[in-house]
Protein backbone atom coordinates (compact mmCIF):
# COMPACT_ATOMS: atom_id res chain seq x y z
CA MET A 1 -24.56 87.87 56.72
CA SER A 2 -26.88 84.92 57.41
CA ARG A 3 -26.05 81.36 57.19
CA THR A 4 -28.01 80.74 54.19
CA GLU A 5 -26.18 83.57 52.42
CA ALA A 6 -22.89 82.14 53.44
CA THR A 7 -23.79 78.68 51.98
CA GLY A 8 -25.22 80.19 48.78
CA ILE A 9 -21.95 81.98 48.18
CA ARG A 10 -19.81 78.86 48.95
CA THR A 11 -21.89 76.91 46.40
CA VAL A 12 -21.54 79.43 43.61
CA LEU A 13 -17.82 79.96 44.21
CA SER A 14 -17.23 76.03 44.45
CA GLU A 15 -19.29 75.47 41.27
CA ARG A 16 -17.33 78.16 39.21
CA LEU A 17 -14.12 77.01 40.45
CA LEU A 18 -14.92 73.35 39.61
CA GLN A 19 -16.13 74.54 36.21
CA PHE A 20 -12.97 76.66 35.59
CA ALA A 21 -10.68 73.72 36.67
CA ALA A 22 -12.60 71.44 34.65
CA ASP A 23 -12.02 73.41 31.35
CA ARG A 24 -8.43 74.04 32.28
CA ALA A 25 -7.84 70.18 32.58
CA LEU A 26 -9.48 69.62 29.21
CA GLN A 27 -6.99 72.17 27.65
CA THR A 28 -4.15 70.53 29.56
CA ARG A 29 -4.91 67.03 28.44
CA GLU A 30 -5.04 68.46 24.75
CA PHE A 31 -1.84 70.18 25.17
CA GLU A 32 -0.46 66.84 26.65
CA ARG A 33 -1.52 64.99 23.57
CA ARG A 34 0.24 67.42 21.31
CA VAL A 35 3.35 67.03 23.35
CA ALA A 36 3.28 63.39 22.97
CA ALA A 37 3.14 63.63 19.30
CA LEU A 38 6.48 65.80 19.00
CA PRO A 39 9.51 63.59 18.20
CA ALA A 40 11.26 62.24 21.15
CA ASP A 41 14.53 64.01 20.49
CA SER A 42 12.91 67.42 20.48
CA PRO A 43 14.53 69.82 22.73
CA ALA A 44 11.55 71.62 23.68
CA ARG A 45 9.77 68.28 24.86
CA ALA A 46 11.44 68.24 28.39
CA SER A 47 10.58 71.65 29.08
CA MET A 48 7.07 71.21 28.11
CA GLY A 49 6.79 68.02 30.28
CA ALA A 50 7.92 70.35 33.40
CA THR A 51 5.11 72.89 32.21
CA LEU A 52 2.45 69.89 32.04
CA SER A 53 3.55 68.79 35.45
CA ALA A 54 3.01 72.37 36.90
CA ALA A 55 -0.35 72.89 35.31
CA LYS A 56 -1.46 69.36 36.55
CA ALA A 57 -0.37 70.29 40.02
CA TRP A 58 -2.30 73.58 39.71
CA GLU A 59 -5.51 72.12 38.70
CA ALA A 60 -5.36 69.67 41.41
CA GLY A 61 -5.09 72.58 43.97
CA LEU A 62 -8.06 74.43 42.27
CA LEU A 63 -10.03 71.18 42.52
CA TRP A 64 -9.22 70.53 46.27
CA VAL A 65 -10.33 74.15 46.90
CA ALA A 66 -13.30 73.79 45.07
CA TRP A 67 -14.45 70.56 46.77
CA ARG A 68 -13.54 72.13 50.31
CA LEU A 69 -15.87 75.01 49.52
CA GLN A 70 -18.70 72.83 48.81
CA PRO A 71 -21.23 73.21 51.87
CA ARG A 72 -21.56 70.34 53.99
CA SER A 73 -24.65 68.71 54.46
CA ARG A 74 -25.76 67.98 58.14
CA ILE A 75 -27.98 64.97 59.25
CA GLY A 76 -30.99 65.98 61.10
CA ALA A 77 -30.40 69.64 60.12
């Protein structure tokens, strides 16, 4: 595999992961707004908070991987 092909694959994969993670982040924020609208004494609110925390950590991991897959530019290359 040539260096150009590898860079192209990395770019495409990174862009798709970024798009996927951004979509999930928007859905998570919408879910977060809905949870915030629940009464404070709702028994399900605590477990939903844990779910939101897990979703945010997962999104952060996806974004990190997508960022790491971005091809690096070289000065003078």
